[in-house]
Amino acid sequence: MSDAVNGWTATLHGMPEVGQKAEAVKTMQQSDIELFSALTGDRQPLHTNPELAKASRFGGVIVQGGVTSGLLNAVVAEQLPGPGSVFLNVDWNFSKPVYLDDTITATVEILEVRPDKPICVLKTVISNQKGEVCLEGKATTYTAELKGLIP
């Protein structure tokens, strides 16, 4: 494919390939909940009140979905497709709560790549330290041209 047709030539990592994977791992801590609460105003008791959360069907404090899914943002922006990538669309199912001290792994796999435009369809999964899926679905990303913009 000629550079004139390839929409990926000016992206920092170039065009990814179907089947490529990347992941990030993080242990959820109280400070993650507090920072997200301060940023968004999401202070509902399931996230912020240990006594009420323990009495709920969840049996303890659960991490906000935005914190959990945020690890996918990091994988997409930093690794695959890489710098300049943003979400155009996400379709996620939250199937299991993430608790404080859970270690989660966010995995992204390239399902489709448009060669004419820097757009990808990704399989997205977040699982906990037990291998249980907490979030899964698909996402579509766009990767902005950054070559020549970053010294």
C-alpha atoms as a PDB file:
ATOM      1  CA  MET A   1       0.000   0.000   0.000  1.00  0.00           C
ATOM      2  CA  SER A   2       1.392   3.404  -0.914  1.00  0.00           C
ATOM      3  CA  ASP A   3       1.942   6.065   1.742  1.00  0.00           C
ATOM      4  CA  ALA A   4      -0.660   8.242   0.029  1.00  0.00           C
ATOM      5  CA  VAL A   5      -3.342   5.649   0.803  1.00  0.00           C
ATOM      6  CA  ASN A   6      -2.069   4.486   4.201  1.00  0.00           C
ATOM      7  CA  GLY A   7      -3.735   6.631   6.878  1.00  0.00           C
ATOM      8  CA  TRP A   8      -1.248   5.424   9.488  1.00  0.00           C
ATOM      9  CA  THR A   9       2.020   6.869   8.131  1.00  0.00           C
ATOM     10  CA  ALA A  10       2.079   9.911  10.414  1.00  0.00           C
ATOM     11  CA  THR A  11       1.092   8.052  13.594  1.00  0.00           C
ATOM     12  CA  LEU A  12       3.857   7.364  16.102  1.00  0.00           C
ATOM     13  CA  HIS A  13       3.551   3.562  16.174  1.00  0.00           C
ATOM     14  CA  GLY A  14       2.320   3.029  12.619  1.00  0.00           C
ATOM     15  CA  MET A  15      -0.416   0.643  11.563  1.00  0.00           C
ATOM     16  CA  PRO A  16      -1.071  -2.207  13.992  1.00  0.00           C
ATOM     17  CA  GLU A  17      -1.856  -5.748  12.868  1.00  0.00           C
ATOM     18  CA  VAL A  18      -4.931  -7.838  13.563  1.00  0.00           C
ATOM     19  CA  GLY A  19      -4.227 -10.098  16.524  1.00  0.00           C
ATOM     20  CA  GLN A  20      -1.758  -7.781  18.280  1.00  0.00           C
ATOM     21  CA  LYS A  21      -2.352  -7.532  22.033  1.00  0.00           C
ATOM     22  CA  ALA A  22      -1.309  -5.240  24.842  1.00  0.00           C
ATOM     23  CA  GLU A  23      -2.128  -5.130  28.527  1.00  0.00           C
ATOM     24  CA  ALA A  24      -1.684  -3.203  31.749  1.00  0.00           C
ATOM     25  CA  VAL A  25      -1.990  -4.368  35.344  1.00  0.00           C
ATOM     26  CA  LYS A  26      -3.008  -2.315  38.375  1.00  0.00           C
ATOM     27  CA  THR A  27      -3.981  -3.007  41.976  1.00  0.00           C
ATOM     28  CA  MET A  28      -6.986  -0.919  42.995  1.00  0.00           C
ATOM     29  CA  GLN A  29      -6.460   1.265  46.035  1.00  0.00           C
ATOM     30  CA  GLN A  30      -8.491   3.654  48.157  1.00  0.00           C
ATOM     31  CA  SER A  31      -6.606   6.576  46.623  1.00  0.00           C
ATOM     32  CA  ASP A  32      -7.919   5.596  43.147  1.00  0.00           C
ATOM     33  CA  ILE A  33     -11.499   5.887  44.413  1.00  0.00           C
ATOM     34  CA  GLU A  34     -10.775   9.167  46.194  1.00  0.00           C
ATOM     35  CA  LEU A  35      -9.117  10.756  43.152  1.00  0.00           C
ATOM     36  CA  PHE A  36     -11.939   9.679  40.830  1.00  0.00           C
ATOM     37  CA  SER A  37     -14.533  10.940  43.326  1.00  0.00           C
ATOM     38  CA  ALA A  38     -12.799  14.315  43.548  1.00  0.00           C
ATOM     39  CA  LEU A  39     -12.533  14.560  39.771  1.00  0.00           C
ATOM     40  CA  THR A  40     -16.080  13.485  38.877  1.00  0.00           C
ATOM     41  CA  GLY A  41     -18.164  14.065  41.995  1.00  0.00           C
ATOM     42  CA  ASP A  42     -19.113  10.358  42.072  1.00  0.00           C
ATOM     43  CA  ARG A  43     -19.262   9.830  45.825  1.00  0.00           C
ATOM     44  CA  GLN A  44     -22.015   7.268  46.038  1.00  0.00           C
ATOM     45  CA  PRO A  45     -21.886   5.059  49.147  1.00  0.00           C
ATOM     46  CA  LEU A  46     -20.979   1.821  47.323  1.00  0.00           C
ATOM     47  CA  HIS A  47     -17.649   3.503  46.526  1.00  0.00           C
ATOM     48  CA  THR A  48     -17.093   5.719  49.533  1.00  0.00           C
ATOM     49  CA  ASN A  49     -18.849   4.387  52.613  1.00  0.00           C
ATOM     50  CA  PRO A  50     -17.355   1.108  53.883  1.00  0.00           C
ATOM     51  CA  GLU A  51     -20.180   0.424  56.364  1.00  0.00           C
ATOM     52  CA  LEU A  52     -22.990   0.907  53.847  1.00  0.00           C
ATOM     53  CA  ALA A  53     -21.066  -0.895  51.095  1.00  0.00           C
ATOM     54  CA  LYS A  54     -20.463  -3.877  53.393  1.00  0.00           C
ATOM     55  CA  ALA A  55     -24.193  -4.111  54.121  1.00  0.00           C
ATOM     56  CA  SER A  56     -25.005  -4.048  50.391  1.00  0.00           C
ATOM     57  CA  ARG A  57     -25.264  -7.050  48.067  1.00  0.00           C
ATOM     58  CA  PHE A  58     -21.623  -6.360  47.093  1.00  0.00           C
ATOM     59  CA  GLY A  59     -20.333  -6.984  50.623  1.00  0.00           C
ATOM     60  CA  GLY A  60     -17.758  -4.213  50.481  1.00  0.00           C
ATOM     61  CA  VAL A  61     -16.511  -1.107  48.724  1.00  0.00           C
ATOM     62  CA  ILE A  62     -16.442  -1.436  44.945  1.00  0.00           C
ATOM     63  CA  VAL A  63     -14.323   0.614  42.583  1.00  0.00           C
ATOM     64  CA  GLN A  64     -16.131   2.994  40.205  1.00  0.00           C
ATOM     65  CA  GLY A  65     -16.582   1.630  36.683  1.00  0.00           C
ATOM     66  CA  GLY A  66     -14.779   4.684  35.346  1.00  0.00           C
ATOM     67  CA  VAL A  67     -11.672   3.777  37.310  1.00  0.00           C
ATOM     68  CA  THR A  68     -11.845   0.189  36.114  1.00  0.00           C
ATOM     69  CA  SER A  69     -12.386   1.075  32.452  1.00  0.00           C
ATOM     70  CA  GLY A  70      -9.806   3.852  32.728  1.00  0.00           C
ATOM     71  CA  LEU A  71      -7.081   1.219  32.638  1.00  0.00           C
ATOM     72  CA  LEU A  72      -8.197   0.463  29.070  1.00  0.00           C
ATOM     73  CA  ASN A  73      -7.691   4.146  28.251  1.00  0.00           C
ATOM     74  CA  ALA A  74      -4.090   3.794  29.392  1.00  0.00           C
ATOM     75  CA  VAL A  75      -3.464   0.700  27.252  1.00  0.00           C
ATOM     76  CA  VAL A  76      -4.978   2.339  24.161  1.00  0.00           C
ATOM     77  CA  ALA A  77      -3.205   5.682  24.625  1.00  0.00           C
ATOM     78  CA  GLU A  78       0.195   4.358  25.644  1.00  0.00           C
ATOM     79  CA  GLN A  79       0.594   0.986  23.930  1.00  0.00           C
ATOM     80  CA  LEU A  80      -1.902  -0.172  21.308  1.00  0.00           C
ATOM     81  CA  PRO A  81      -2.792   1.470  19.001  1.00  0.00           C
ATOM     82  CA  GLY A  82      -0.623   3.978  20.902  1.00  0.00           C
ATOM     83  CA  PRO A  83      -0.036   7.707  21.404  1.00  0.00           C
ATOM     84  CA  GLY A  84      -2.670   9.872  19.767  1.00  0.00           C
ATOM     85  CA  SER A  85      -5.379   7.206  20.119  1.00  0.00           C
ATOM     86  CA  VAL A  86      -8.815   8.124  21.415  1.00  0.00           C
ATOM     87  CA  PHE A  87     -12.063   6.183  21.721  1.00  0.00           C
ATOM     88  CA  LEU A  88     -14.707   6.811  19.066  1.00  0.00           C
ATOM     89  CA  ASN A  89     -17.105   4.246  20.494  1.00  0.00           C
ATOM     90  CA  VAL A  90     -17.209   1.734  23.332  1.00  0.00           C
ATOM     91  CA  ASP A  91     -19.608  -1.127  24.028  1.00  0.00           C
ATOM     92  CA  TRP A  92     -18.736  -2.535  27.420  1.00  0.00           C
ATOM     93  CA  ASN A  93     -20.502  -4.932  29.759  1.00  0.00           C
ATOM     94  CA  PHE A  94     -19.575  -4.735  33.418  1.00  0.00           C
ATOM     95  CA  SER A  95     -20.109  -8.323  34.553  1.00  0.00           C
ATOM     96  CA  LYS A  96     -18.361  -8.400  37.932  1.00  0.00           C
ATOM     97  CA  PRO A  97     -17.484  -5.683  40.449  1.00  0.00           C
ATOM     98  CA  VAL A  98     -13.902  -4.698  41.139  1.00  0.00           C
ATOM     99  CA  TYR A  99     -13.052  -4.396  44.827  1.00  0.00           C
ATOM    100  CA  LEU A 100     -10.348  -2.563  46.719  1.00  0.00           C
ATOM    101  CA  ASP A 101      -7.076  -4.494  46.569  1.00  0.00           C
ATOM    102  CA  ASP A 102      -8.148  -6.406  43.438  1.00  0.00           C
ATOM    103  CA  THR A 103      -5.387  -6.580  40.863  1.00  0.00           C
ATOM    104  CA  ILE A 104      -6.933  -6.097  37.452  1.00  0.00           C
ATOM    105  CA  THR A 105      -5.493  -6.724  34.016  1.00  0.00           C
ATOM    106  CA  ALA A 106      -6.768  -4.679  31.077  1.00  0.00           C
ATOM    107  CA  THR A 107      -6.221  -6.402  27.734  1.00  0.00           C
ATOM    108  CA  VAL A 108      -6.715  -4.959  24.263  1.00  0.00           C
ATOM    109  CA  GLU A 109      -6.620  -7.036  21.078  1.00  0.00           C
ATOM    110  CA  ILE A 110      -6.787  -5.637  17.556  1.00  0.00           C
ATOM    111  CA  LEU A 111      -9.776  -7.152  15.722  1.00  0.00           C
ATOM    112  CA  GLU A 112      -9.932  -4.871  12.672  1.00  0.00           C
ATOM    113  CA  VAL A 113      -7.701  -2.183  11.156  1.00  0.00           C
ATOM    114  CA  ARG A 114      -8.657   0.291   8.466  1.00  0.00           C
ATOM    115  CA  PRO A 115      -5.591   0.873   6.308  1.00  0.00           C
ATOM    116  CA  ASP A 116      -6.996   4.039   4.709  1.00  0.00           C
ATOM    117  CA  LYS A 117      -7.759   5.740   8.060  1.00  0.00           C
ATOM    118  CA  PRO A 118      -6.145   5.263  11.470  1.00  0.00           C
ATOM    119  CA  ILE A 119      -9.191   3.481  12.898  1.00  0.00           C
ATOM    120  CA  CYS A 120      -9.230   0.153  14.769  1.00  0.00           C
ATOM    121  CA  VAL A 121     -11.825  -2.108  16.326  1.00  0.00           C
ATOM    122  CA  LEU A 122     -10.571  -3.657  19.552  1.00  0.00           C
ATOM    123  CA  LYS A 123     -11.603  -6.486  21.815  1.00  0.00           C
ATOM    124  CA  THR A 124     -11.394  -5.154  25.370  1.00  0.00           C
ATOM    125  CA  VAL A 125     -11.307  -7.238  28.546  1.00  0.00           C
ATOM    126  CA  ILE A 126     -10.616  -6.516  32.183  1.00  0.00           C
ATOM    127  CA  SER A 127     -10.123  -9.470  34.510  1.00  0.00           C
ATOM    128  CA  ASN A 128      -9.236  -9.706  38.173  1.00  0.00           C
ATOM    129  CA  GLN A 129      -6.464 -11.647  39.902  1.00  0.00           C
ATOM    130  CA  LYS A 130      -8.678 -14.767  39.936  1.00  0.00           C
ATOM    131  CA  GLY A 131      -9.049 -14.642  36.151  1.00  0.00           C
ATOM    132  CA  GLU A 132     -12.688 -13.579  36.428  1.00  0.00           C
ATOM    133  CA  VAL A 133     -13.894 -11.213  33.708  1.00  0.00           C
ATOM    134  CA  CYS A 134     -15.082  -7.912  35.185  1.00  0.00           C
ATOM    135  CA  LEU A 135     -15.578  -5.976  31.940  1.00  0.00           C
ATOM    136  CA  GLU A 136     -15.644  -7.048  28.315  1.00  0.00           C
ATOM    137  CA  GLY A 137     -16.696  -5.676  24.995  1.00  0.00           C
ATOM    138  CA  LYS A 138     -15.465  -3.828  21.946  1.00  0.00           C
ATOM    139  CA  ALA A 139     -14.136  -0.377  21.278  1.00  0.00           C
ATOM    140  CA  THR A 140     -13.386   1.647  18.166  1.00  0.00           C
ATOM    141  CA  THR A 141     -10.395   3.983  18.211  1.00  0.00           C
ATOM    142  CA  TYR A 142      -8.967   6.761  16.096  1.00  0.00           C
ATOM    143  CA  THR A 143      -5.245   7.514  16.176  1.00  0.00           C
ATOM    144  CA  ALA A 144      -4.221  11.108  15.490  1.00  0.00           C
ATOM    145  CA  GLU A 145      -1.138  11.948  13.466  1.00  0.00           C
ATOM    146  CA  LEU A 146       1.660  12.967  15.811  1.00  0.00           C
ATOM    147  CA  LYS A 147       4.866  12.502  13.782  1.00  0.00           C
ATOM    148  CA  GLY A 148       6.564  15.828  13.438  1.00  0.00           C
ATOM    149  CA  LEU A 149       4.516  17.313  16.296  1.00  0.00           C
ATOM    150  CA  ILE A 150       6.538  15.752  19.112  1.00  0.00           C
ATOM    151  CA  PRO A 151      10.197  16.780  19.268  1.00  0.00           C
END
